[in-house]
């Protein structure tokens, strides 16, 4: 009820003093509690906090570090260790030393990786970025750098017979591609104001509910208010159809999309507004014939006016849970996946050592639906931000998973220390095994770094300067020698890529 209206009602039967006191009390209650708010209003009030999910994959230290590296010359030293364990016994170990130096004055970067056997250097690969040339070198194969010039890429693609060169940019710029994922505040506001009402208008008040439930997060029990909505399969289809029909006449969003498609070099069918409108019409026609069978359930768990958990379920096929407490965030995605067992006779023909495999002769021996899971954790502190991604292909086999951990530090005394870890746990026969890669990297600001060679056509083999036949023949032989040399060195420390 509007505050002014309440004042008018109260003024009829109570003194002015009681009216003022009562109005103040009611205003406080309205602004600090949900006592006068309907279930659907409460749901959307707390749903606005879900934008924090988008921040889950963003490592705030990464942005700070990138700015630090762009502004300074620096030296980086890294230590990469690979270990493969069977049970409690380590059976294989590998050590690679890395280094990077960047000269802010010339904007050149040098990097190398050296395979070690104790204190002995076994195998070295180096890299240089000089102006728009990116190249690598392996002295065991060739003394020259080999690379590509990041310009006139359409012409280069044409040389190599790539038919659809319209999607090839003249120059590749990673920052431009990343910008596709970003919108301005004004653009986001337009999208919300235009399309959120479509969702709301397709859901009735009876589809919202509220309940109280105890949940556990990180070992702590919270008594939460749960605000829920059930979106039927028919709702979903109608929301999609209404959104696409709205998009037909939404010039602002069409321009936004066409600009992003242009950045991705997607061609005139998507970058021209008229053509893009035709694509939207085609999508609308497809939606008319689409059959959506699954209801969607969304639950918001509120504790002390903060949403500490968001859960979304698509029937029993997909379950998404986002937990957000203090400096810890976790997103868990559990979904149905198809596990195929392929059998059948492979028809092979050996002719001059070239083996042909007839894939059409395969058959699916067994197909089963399994539950797979991906979880993403983010832990933030003043000095470091840690992202942990765990992939479990089959949740019925929890001992088999892949975990990637990225721990990035803040800048302290002009120095950065990052730790990257990848662990692969698997079962082979009846034996539990795991492979672990640890990569510790330290970066320090430098007033001056060792000179980095300028790459030119005279000291580097640049793909852009050769026709496809010349360079393809050359790089194929280079790759063959590189693989042979690497295999030879790895065998010396107990790794055999051929087994």
Protein backbone atom coordinates (compact mmCIF):
# COMPACT_ATOMS: atom_id res chain seq x y z
CA UNK A 1 0.00 0.00 0.00
CA UNK A 2 1.30 3.49 -0.87
CA UNK A 3 2.57 5.46 2.21
CA UNK A 4 0.56 8.57 1.30
CA UNK A 5 -2.61 6.49 1.03
CA UNK A 6 -1.93 4.94 4.44
CA UNK A 7 -1.55 8.43 5.89
CA UNK A 8 -4.93 9.51 4.49
CA UNK A 9 -6.67 6.45 5.93
CA UNK A 10 -5.09 6.91 9.34
CA UNK A 11 -5.79 10.64 9.39
CA UNK A 12 -9.53 9.99 9.43
CA UNK A 13 -9.55 8.26 12.80
CA UNK A 14 -6.37 9.02 14.75
CA UNK A 15 -4.58 12.10 15.99
CA UNK A 16 -1.78 13.64 13.93
CA UNK A 17 0.92 12.49 16.36
CA UNK A 18 -0.08 8.83 16.11
CA UNK A 19 -0.30 9.20 12.36
CA UNK A 20 3.29 10.46 12.09
CA UNK A 21 4.68 7.79 14.41
CA UNK A 22 2.71 5.07 12.63
CA UNK A 23 3.85 6.25 9.19
CA UNK A 24 7.49 6.19 10.28
CA UNK A 25 7.13 2.66 11.67
CA UNK A 26 5.41 1.45 8.50
CA UNK A 27 8.07 3.05 6.29
CA UNK A 28 10.82 1.34 8.26
CA UNK A 29 9.06 -1.99 8.00
CA UNK A 30 8.47 -1.58 4.29
CA UNK A 31 12.09 -0.68 3.53
CA UNK A 32 13.74 -3.23 5.80
CA UNK A 33 11.44 -6.23 5.62
CA UNK A 34 9.30 -8.07 3.07
CA UNK A 35 6.11 -7.93 5.09
CA UNK A 36 4.03 -6.15 2.43
CA UNK A 37 5.57 -7.71 -0.66
CA UNK A 38 3.97 -10.44 -2.77
CA UNK A 39 5.78 -13.65 -3.62
CA UNK A 40 6.41 -12.64 -7.22
CA UNK A 41 7.76 -9.22 -6.18
CA UNK A 42 10.01 -10.88 -3.60
CA UNK A 43 11.30 -13.33 -6.18
CA UNK A 44 12.36 -10.63 -8.62
CA UNK A 45 13.72 -8.44 -5.85
CA UNK A 46 16.19 -11.13 -4.82
CA UNK A 47 16.73 -12.40 -8.35
CA UNK A 48 18.54 -9.13 -9.11
CA UNK A 49 21.40 -10.41 -6.94
CA UNK A 50 21.98 -13.27 -9.39
CA UNK A 51 24.24 -11.01 -11.49
CA UNK A 52 27.03 -12.03 -9.12
CA UNK A 53 27.15 -15.39 -10.92
CA UNK A 54 28.75 -13.59 -13.88
CA UNK A 55 31.64 -12.55 -11.65
CA UNK A 56 32.42 -16.14 -10.69
CA UNK A 57 34.82 -16.80 -13.57
CA UNK A 58 36.43 -13.38 -13.34
CA UNK A 59 39.65 -13.36 -11.36
CA UNK A 60 40.05 -9.80 -10.09
CA UNK A 61 43.79 -10.35 -9.65
CA UNK A 62 44.08 -11.28 -13.33
CA UNK A 63 42.87 -7.84 -14.42
CA UNK A 64 45.27 -6.10 -12.06
CA UNK A 65 48.17 -8.27 -13.22
CA UNK A 66 47.42 -7.61 -16.90
CA UNK A 67 47.51 -3.86 -16.31
CA UNK A 68 50.78 -4.24 -14.36
CA UNK A 69 52.41 -6.22 -17.21
CA UNK A 70 51.19 -3.83 -19.89
CA UNK A 71 52.74 -0.87 -18.12
CA UNK A 72 56.12 -2.34 -17.14
CA UNK A 73 59.11 -4.32 -18.27
CA UNK A 74 59.35 -7.55 -16.29
CA UNK A 75 61.07 -10.89 -15.82
CA UNK A 76 59.21 -14.11 -15.09
CA UNK A 77 60.58 -17.42 -13.87
CA UNK A 78 58.51 -20.58 -13.69
CA UNK A 79 58.88 -24.17 -12.55
CA UNK A 80 56.59 -26.80 -14.09
CA UNK A 81 56.52 -30.30 -12.62
CA UNK A 82 54.60 -33.30 -13.92
CA UNK A 83 54.24 -36.40 -11.78
CA UNK A 84 52.33 -39.61 -12.52
CA UNK A 85 51.52 -41.76 -9.52
CA UNK A 86 50.23 -45.31 -9.13
CA UNK A 87 48.88 -45.82 -5.66
CA UNK A 88 51.40 -44.27 -3.28
CA UNK A 89 54.38 -44.82 -5.57
CA UNK A 90 55.60 -42.11 -7.93
CA UNK A 91 56.53 -43.76 -11.19
CA UNK A 92 57.32 -40.82 -13.47
CA UNK A 93 58.42 -37.23 -13.01
CA UNK A 94 59.19 -34.39 -15.40
CA UNK A 95 60.57 -30.91 -14.75
CA UNK A 96 60.42 -27.93 -17.10
CA UNK A 97 61.93 -24.52 -16.36
CA UNK A 98 60.33 -21.51 -18.00
CA UNK A 99 61.26 -17.87 -18.32
CA UNK A 100 59.66 -14.78 -19.83
CA UNK A 101 60.96 -11.27 -20.28
CA UNK A 102 59.08 -8.30 -21.66
CA UNK A 103 60.57 -4.99 -22.76
CA UNK A 104 58.02 -2.20 -22.37
CA UNK A 105 60.19 0.14 -24.47
CA UNK A 106 60.22 -2.06 -27.59
CA UNK A 107 57.02 -3.95 -26.68
CA UNK A 108 58.81 -7.23 -27.45
CA UNK A 109 58.36 -10.43 -25.45
CA UNK A 110 60.63 -13.45 -25.19
CA UNK A 111 59.76 -16.77 -23.55
CA UNK A 112 61.33 -20.21 -23.34
CA UNK A 113 60.70 -23.64 -21.85
CA UNK A 114 63.55 -26.05 -21.04
CA UNK A 115 63.08 -29.75 -20.34
CA UNK A 116 65.46 -30.68 -17.52
CA UNK A 117 67.19 -33.84 -16.38
CA UNK A 118 68.50 -32.77 -13.01
CA UNK A 119 70.75 -29.81 -13.80
CA UNK A 120 71.14 -30.80 -17.46
CA UNK A 121 69.17 -28.98 -20.18
CA UNK A 122 67.69 -31.62 -22.47
CA UNK A 123 65.39 -29.76 -24.82
CA UNK A 124 64.57 -26.07 -25.32
CA UNK A 125 61.82 -24.25 -27.17
CA UNK A 126 61.74 -20.44 -27.33
CA UNK A 127 59.23 -17.85 -28.50
CA UNK A 128 59.39 -14.19 -29.52
CA UNK A 129 56.70 -11.63 -30.23
CA UNK A 130 58.26 -8.73 -32.12
CA UNK A 131 55.86 -6.12 -33.51
CA UNK A 132 53.22 -8.23 -35.29
CA UNK A 133 55.42 -11.31 -35.78
CA UNK A 134 54.87 -14.33 -33.52
CA UNK A 135 57.43 -17.13 -33.85
CA UNK A 136 58.99 -20.14 -32.12
CA UNK A 137 62.40 -21.77 -32.36
CA UNK A 138 63.91 -25.12 -31.42
CA UNK A 139 67.69 -25.21 -31.88
CA UNK A 140 67.67 -29.01 -32.03
CA UNK A 141 65.67 -28.73 -35.26
CA UNK A 142 66.57 -25.36 -36.83
CA UNK A 143 68.46 -22.27 -35.68
CA UNK A 144 65.87 -19.86 -37.11
CA UNK A 145 62.56 -18.72 -35.67
CA UNK A 146 59.43 -19.88 -37.53
CA UNK A 147 56.18 -18.02 -37.31
CA UNK A 148 53.42 -15.90 -38.75
CA UNK A 149 52.83 -12.19 -39.22
CA UNK A 150 49.58 -10.98 -37.70
CA UNK A 151 48.52 -8.89 -40.71
CA UNK A 152 46.89 -9.49 -44.10
CA UNK A 153 45.50 -12.75 -42.72
CA UNK A 154 42.80 -12.90 -45.40
CA UNK A 155 45.51 -12.97 -48.04
CA UNK A 156 47.36 -15.67 -46.09
CA UNK A 157 44.19 -17.76 -45.79
CA UNK A 158 43.62 -17.40 -49.52
CA UNK A 159 47.15 -18.69 -50.21
CA UNK A 160 46.37 -21.83 -48.24
CA UNK A 161 43.12 -22.49 -50.09
CA UNK A 162 40.75 -21.61 -47.28
CA UNK A 163 37.46 -21.16 -49.14
CA UNK A 164 35.47 -19.13 -46.63
CA UNK A 165 37.89 -16.27 -46.02
CA UNK A 166 35.08 -13.85 -45.18
CA UNK A 167 35.25 -15.05 -41.58
CA UNK A 168 39.02 -14.55 -41.42
CA UNK A 169 40.08 -11.16 -39.97
CA UNK A 170 42.93 -9.19 -41.52
CA UNK A 171 44.44 -9.05 -38.05
CA UNK A 172 43.66 -11.10 -34.96
CA UNK A 173 43.18 -9.06 -31.77
CA UNK A 174 42.28 -11.07 -28.69
CA UNK A 175 41.04 -7.97 -26.83
CA UNK A 176 38.51 -7.28 -29.57
CA UNK A 177 37.16 -10.81 -29.31
CA UNK A 178 36.90 -10.53 -25.52
CA UNK A 179 34.97 -7.29 -25.95
CA UNK A 180 32.16 -9.34 -27.52
CA UNK A 181 31.38 -10.62 -24.03
CA UNK A 182 31.05 -7.11 -22.62
CA UNK A 183 28.20 -4.60 -22.71
CA UNK A 184 27.96 -1.06 -21.43
CA UNK A 185 25.70 -0.33 -18.47
CA UNK A 186 23.29 1.41 -20.85
CA UNK A 187 23.14 -1.66 -23.13
CA UNK A 188 22.52 -3.99 -20.19
CA UNK A 189 19.81 -1.69 -18.88
CA UNK A 190 18.10 -1.69 -22.28
CA UNK A 191 18.15 -5.50 -22.44
CA UNK A 192 16.71 -5.78 -18.94
CA UNK A 193 13.97 -3.22 -19.54
CA UNK A 194 13.05 -4.77 -22.88
CA UNK A 195 13.11 -8.50 -22.20
CA UNK A 196 12.61 -9.01 -18.46
CA UNK A 197 8.95 -7.88 -18.66
CA UNK A 198 8.36 -10.60 -21.27
CA UNK A 199 9.40 -13.22 -18.74
CA UNK A 200 7.32 -11.69 -15.96
CA UNK A 201 4.23 -11.31 -18.13
CA UNK A 202 4.25 -15.00 -19.05
CA UNK A 203 4.26 -16.20 -15.44
CA UNK A 204 1.16 -16.00 -13.25
CA UNK A 205 1.22 -15.14 -9.54
CA UNK A 206 0.15 -18.70 -8.71
CA UNK A 207 3.46 -19.98 -10.07
CA UNK A 208 5.41 -18.19 -7.32
CA UNK A 209 5.78 -19.54 -3.80
CA UNK A 210 7.61 -18.94 -0.55
CA UNK A 211 8.81 -21.37 2.12
CA UNK A 212 11.37 -21.71 4.92
CA UNK A 213 14.19 -24.23 4.63
CA UNK A 214 17.47 -25.05 6.39
CA UNK A 215 20.44 -25.50 4.06
CA UNK A 216 24.13 -26.24 4.58
CA UNK A 217 26.93 -24.34 2.87
CA UNK A 218 30.58 -24.99 3.70
CA UNK A 219 29.58 -26.84 6.87
CA UNK A 220 27.36 -24.01 8.18
CA UNK A 221 23.58 -24.34 8.52
CA UNK A 222 21.42 -21.41 7.43
CA UNK A 223 17.69 -20.98 8.06
CA UNK A 224 16.59 -19.38 4.79
CA UNK A 225 13.51 -17.98 3.15
CA UNK A 226 13.06 -19.70 -0.18
CA UNK A 227 11.43 -17.78 -3.04
CA UNK A 228 10.53 -20.07 -5.91
CA UNK A 229 8.99 -19.97 -9.35
CA UNK A 230 7.87 -22.80 -11.60
CA UNK A 231 8.07 -21.98 -15.32
CA UNK A 232 6.15 -24.51 -17.39
CA UNK A 233 7.34 -25.90 -20.70
CA UNK A 234 4.63 -23.86 -22.41
CA UNK A 235 5.84 -20.74 -20.59
CA UNK A 236 9.37 -21.35 -21.85
CA UNK A 237 8.27 -21.67 -25.46
CA UNK A 238 6.07 -18.57 -25.23
CA UNK A 239 8.84 -16.52 -23.59
CA UNK A 240 11.25 -17.48 -26.37
CA UNK A 241 8.72 -16.69 -29.07
CA UNK A 242 7.75 -13.34 -27.54
CA UNK A 243 11.43 -12.41 -27.09
CA UNK A 244 12.29 -13.20 -30.69
CA UNK A 245 9.24 -11.33 -31.97
CA UNK A 246 10.28 -8.36 -29.81
CA UNK A 247 13.78 -8.57 -31.24
CA UNK A 248 12.42 -8.16 -34.79
CA UNK A 249 11.63 -4.51 -34.06
CA UNK A 250 14.33 -3.87 -31.43
CA UNK A 251 16.76 -1.85 -33.55
CA UNK A 252 19.05 -1.08 -30.63
CA UNK A 253 19.64 -4.74 -29.81
CA UNK A 254 19.93 -5.70 -33.49
CA UNK A 255 22.69 -3.10 -33.92
CA UNK A 256 24.38 -4.39 -30.78
CA UNK A 257 24.30 -7.96 -32.11
CA UNK A 258 25.45 -7.00 -35.61
CA UNK A 259 28.44 -5.13 -34.16
CA UNK A 260 29.43 -8.15 -32.10
CA UNK A 261 29.02 -10.45 -35.13
CA UNK A 262 31.21 -8.05 -37.13
CA UNK A 263 33.92 -8.35 -34.48
CA UNK A 264 33.70 -12.12 -34.90
CA UNK A 265 33.92 -11.75 -38.71
CA UNK A 266 30.69 -13.70 -39.16
CA UNK A 267 29.87 -12.34 -42.59
CA UNK A 268 27.22 -10.09 -44.14
CA UNK A 269 24.34 -12.43 -43.22
CA UNK A 270 24.87 -11.41 -39.60
CA UNK A 271 26.55 -7.99 -39.81
CA UNK A 272 23.95 -6.36 -42.07
CA UNK A 273 20.86 -5.32 -40.10
CA UNK A 274 18.44 -6.28 -42.88
CA UNK A 275 19.99 -9.73 -43.27
CA UNK A 276 20.13 -10.19 -39.51
CA UNK A 277 16.41 -9.39 -39.30
CA UNK A 278 15.77 -12.18 -41.80
CA UNK A 279 17.74 -14.56 -39.57
CA UNK A 280 15.57 -13.51 -36.63
CA UNK A 281 12.45 -14.23 -38.70
CA UNK A 282 13.81 -17.68 -39.54
CA UNK A 283 14.40 -18.30 -35.84
CA UNK A 284 10.84 -17.25 -35.04
CA UNK A 285 9.50 -19.77 -37.54
CA UNK A 286 11.60 -22.54 -36.03
CA UNK A 287 10.36 -21.70 -32.55
CA UNK A 288 6.77 -22.07 -33.74
CA UNK A 289 7.47 -25.72 -34.51
CA UNK A 290 9.69 -26.34 -31.49
CA UNK A 291 8.51 -28.69 -28.77
CA UNK A 292 9.82 -27.82 -25.32
CA UNK A 293 8.98 -30.61 -22.87
CA UNK A 294 10.66 -29.63 -19.62
CA UNK A 295 9.50 -27.37 -16.80
CA UNK A 296 12.03 -25.07 -15.16
CA UNK A 297 12.19 -24.49 -11.40
CA UNK A 298 14.15 -21.61 -9.87
CA UNK A 299 14.78 -21.27 -6.11
CA UNK A 300 16.30 -18.26 -4.34
CA UNK A 301 17.56 -18.91 -0.79
CA UNK A 302 17.62 -15.66 1.19
CA UNK A 303 19.40 -15.16 4.52
CA UNK A 304 19.56 -11.72 6.19
CA UNK A 305 18.48 -10.01 2.95
CA UNK A 306 21.23 -11.69 0.93
CA UNK A 307 20.69 -14.49 -1.57
CA UNK A 308 23.21 -17.12 -0.48
CA UNK A 309 22.05 -19.82 -2.88
CA UNK A 310 20.38 -19.89 -6.29
CA UNK A 311 19.18 -23.17 -7.73
CA UNK A 312 17.73 -23.84 -11.17
CA UNK A 313 16.41 -27.21 -12.31
CA UNK A 314 15.29 -28.30 -15.76
CA UNK A 315 13.03 -31.21 -14.82
CA UNK A 316 15.44 -33.92 -13.64
CA UNK A 317 17.90 -33.39 -16.50
CA UNK A 318 19.88 -30.35 -15.34
CA UNK A 319 20.53 -28.95 -11.87
CA UNK A 320 22.47 -25.72 -11.32
CA UNK A 321 23.39 -24.50 -7.83
CA UNK A 322 25.22 -21.25 -7.08
CA UNK A 323 26.36 -20.66 -3.48
CA UNK A 324 27.54 -17.20 -2.42
CA UNK A 325 28.73 -16.62 1.15
CA UNK A 326 31.31 -14.16 2.40
CA UNK A 327 34.40 -14.51 0.16
CA UNK A 328 33.47 -17.94 -1.19
CA UNK A 329 31.45 -18.67 -4.30
CA UNK A 330 30.65 -22.02 -5.88
CA UNK A 331 28.73 -22.99 -9.02
CA UNK A 332 27.77 -26.65 -9.49
CA UNK A 333 26.28 -27.94 -12.73
CA UNK A 334 24.92 -31.50 -12.80
CA UNK A 335 23.47 -32.71 -16.08
CA UNK A 336 22.50 -35.74 -18.12
CA UNK A 337 25.18 -36.91 -20.54
CA UNK A 338 25.18 -39.68 -23.10
CA UNK A 339 27.84 -42.36 -22.70
CA UNK A 340 28.37 -44.28 -25.95
CA UNK A 341 30.28 -47.54 -26.27
CA UNK A 342 31.40 -47.92 -29.87
CA UNK A 343 31.97 -51.32 -31.43
CA UNK A 344 32.09 -52.82 -34.92
CA UNK A 345 34.79 -53.77 -37.31
CA UNK A 346 37.05 -51.00 -38.49
CA UNK A 347 37.86 -51.47 -42.18
CA UNK A 348 41.50 -50.55 -42.67
CA UNK A 349 43.63 -50.51 -45.77
CA UNK A 350 47.38 -50.23 -45.64
CA UNK A 351 48.92 -48.61 -48.68
CA UNK A 352 52.41 -47.15 -48.45
CA UNK A 353 52.02 -46.94 -44.69
CA UNK A 354 48.92 -44.76 -45.04
CA UNK A 355 46.09 -46.29 -43.04
CA UNK A 356 42.48 -45.62 -43.98
CA UNK A 357 39.78 -46.09 -41.35
CA UNK A 358 36.19 -46.57 -42.39
CA UNK A 359 34.23 -44.86 -39.62
CA UNK A 360 30.91 -45.81 -41.21
CA UNK A 361 31.46 -49.41 -40.12
CA UNK A 362 31.26 -48.52 -36.42
CA UNK A 363 28.18 -49.24 -34.35
CA UNK A 364 26.91 -48.06 -30.99
CA UNK A 365 27.07 -51.13 -28.78
CA UNK A 366 25.63 -49.44 -25.74
CA UNK A 367 24.16 -46.03 -25.00
CA UNK A 368 23.35 -44.94 -21.48
CA UNK A 369 22.47 -41.70 -19.76
CA UNK A 370 24.87 -40.79 -16.98
CA UNK A 371 25.08 -37.82 -14.63
CA UNK A 372 28.08 -35.57 -15.21
CA UNK A 373 29.10 -32.65 -13.03
CA UNK A 374 31.16 -29.47 -13.31
CA UNK A 375 31.86 -27.34 -10.25
CA UNK A 376 33.56 -23.95 -10.09
CA UNK A 377 34.82 -22.53 -6.80
CA UNK A 378 36.09 -19.01 -6.22
CA UNK A 379 37.81 -18.01 -2.99
CA UNK A 380 38.85 -14.38 -2.57
CA UNK A 381 41.18 -12.74 -0.08
CA UNK A 382 43.15 -9.51 -0.02
CA UNK A 383 46.36 -11.15 -1.24
CA UNK A 384 45.06 -13.83 -3.64
CA UNK A 385 42.09 -15.08 -5.63
CA UNK A 386 41.70 -18.81 -6.25
CA UNK A 387 39.54 -20.41 -8.94
CA UNK A 388 38.99 -24.18 -8.82
CA UNK A 389 37.26 -26.07 -11.63
CA UNK A 390 36.42 -29.76 -11.10
CA UNK A 391 35.02 -31.96 -13.87
CA UNK A 392 33.48 -35.32 -12.96
CA UNK A 393 32.47 -37.19 -16.13
CA UNK A 394 30.36 -39.72 -14.19
CA UNK A 395 29.15 -38.81 -10.69
CA UNK A 396 28.73 -42.51 -9.92
CA UNK A 397 32.54 -42.69 -10.19
CA UNK A 398 33.64 -39.85 -7.88
CA UNK A 399 37.25 -41.09 -7.82
CA UNK A 400 37.65 -40.17 -11.49
CA UNK A 401 37.84 -36.43 -12.13
CA UNK A 402 39.90 -33.53 -13.41
CA UNK A 403 40.63 -30.52 -11.21
CA UNK A 404 42.17 -27.24 -12.37
CA UNK A 405 43.28 -24.72 -9.74
CA UNK A 406 44.39 -21.18 -10.53
CA UNK A 407 45.76 -19.13 -7.64
CA UNK A 408 46.67 -15.56 -8.58
CA UNK A 409 48.25 -13.14 -6.15
CA UNK A 410 47.95 -9.41 -5.71
CA UNK A 411 50.95 -7.22 -6.58
CA UNK A 412 53.30 -6.95 -3.62
CA UNK A 413 56.66 -5.13 -3.80
CA UNK A 414 56.34 -5.03 -7.62
CA UNK A 415 56.14 -8.82 -7.69
CA UNK A 416 53.46 -11.40 -8.57
CA UNK A 417 53.33 -15.07 -7.63
CA UNK A 418 50.85 -17.41 -9.33
CA UNK A 419 50.31 -21.14 -8.88
CA UNK A 420 48.53 -23.32 -11.44
CA UNK A 421 47.67 -26.97 -10.77
CA UNK A 422 45.98 -29.65 -12.87
CA UNK A 423 45.16 -33.03 -11.34
CA UNK A 424 43.72 -35.98 -13.22
CA UNK A 425 42.45 -38.88 -11.09
CA UNK A 426 41.52 -42.08 -12.87
CA UNK A 427 41.10 -45.83 -12.41
CA UNK A 428 43.07 -48.26 -14.53
CA UNK A 429 42.06 -51.84 -13.89
CA UNK A 430 41.71 -51.99 -10.12
CA UNK A 431 44.41 -49.40 -9.50
CA UNK A 432 43.86 -45.74 -8.64
CA UNK A 433 46.21 -43.44 -10.52
CA UNK A 434 46.69 -39.72 -10.85
CA UNK A 435 48.70 -37.30 -12.93
CA UNK A 436 49.50 -33.87 -11.51
CA UNK A 437 50.97 -30.78 -13.14
CA UNK A 438 52.17 -27.96 -10.86
CA UNK A 439 53.30 -24.67 -12.35
CA UNK A 440 54.71 -21.99 -10.02
CA UNK A 441 55.38 -18.64 -11.67
CA UNK A 442 56.99 -15.49 -10.26
CA UNK A 443 56.94 -12.18 -12.12
CA UNK A 444 58.98 -9.15 -11.05
CA UNK A 445 59.06 -5.62 -12.44
CA UNK A 446 62.39 -4.74 -14.07
CA UNK A 447 63.87 -1.35 -14.92
CA UNK A 448 65.70 -3.02 -17.80
CA UNK A 449 65.65 -6.52 -19.33
CA UNK A 450 68.07 -8.41 -21.51
CA UNK A 451 67.72 -7.32 -25.14
CA UNK A 452 65.10 -9.21 -27.15
CA UNK A 453 65.88 -9.91 -30.81
CA UNK A 454 63.83 -8.07 -33.41
CA UNK A 455 62.31 -10.56 -35.82
CA UNK A 456 62.38 -9.79 -39.54
CA UNK A 457 62.13 -11.72 -42.79
CA UNK A 458 65.93 -12.02 -42.79
CA UNK A 459 66.25 -13.90 -39.47
CA UNK A 460 62.91 -15.72 -39.29
CA UNK A 461 60.85 -17.98 -41.55
CA UNK A 462 57.52 -16.14 -41.87
CA UNK A 463 54.61 -18.10 -43.35
CA UNK A 464 53.20 -14.97 -45.00
CA UNK A 465 56.27 -14.71 -47.29
CA UNK A 466 55.88 -18.13 -48.94
CA UNK A 467 53.32 -19.88 -51.08
CA UNK A 468 51.38 -22.72 -49.51
CA UNK A 469 53.32 -25.50 -51.24
CA UNK A 470 56.70 -24.16 -50.10
CA UNK A 471 55.75 -23.51 -46.49
CA UNK A 472 53.61 -26.63 -46.03
CA UNK A 473 56.45 -28.87 -47.17
CA UNK A 474 58.89 -27.03 -44.90
CA UNK A 475 56.71 -26.98 -41.76
CA UNK A 476 55.71 -30.64 -42.18
CA UNK A 477 59.38 -31.66 -42.13
CA UNK A 478 60.07 -29.30 -39.21
CA UNK A 479 57.25 -30.89 -37.19
CA UNK A 480 58.52 -34.40 -37.97
CA UNK A 481 62.03 -33.55 -36.75
CA UNK A 482 60.66 -31.72 -33.69
CA UNK A 483 58.55 -34.70 -32.65
CA UNK A 484 61.47 -37.10 -33.14
CA UNK A 485 63.86 -34.96 -31.08
CA UNK A 486 61.31 -34.46 -28.29
CA UNK A 487 60.56 -38.19 -28.16
CA UNK A 488 64.28 -38.92 -27.91
CA UNK A 489 64.74 -36.54 -24.96
CA UNK A 490 61.62 -37.73 -23.13
CA UNK A 491 62.79 -41.35 -23.30
CA UNK A 492 65.91 -40.28 -21.39
CA UNK A 493 63.76 -39.37 -18.37
CA UNK A 494 61.38 -42.32 -18.63
CA UNK A 495 58.57 -40.91 -20.79
CA UNK A 496 57.71 -42.66 -24.02
CA UNK A 497 54.99 -41.01 -26.11
CA UNK A 498 54.79 -44.05 -28.38
CA UNK A 499 53.61 -46.42 -25.64
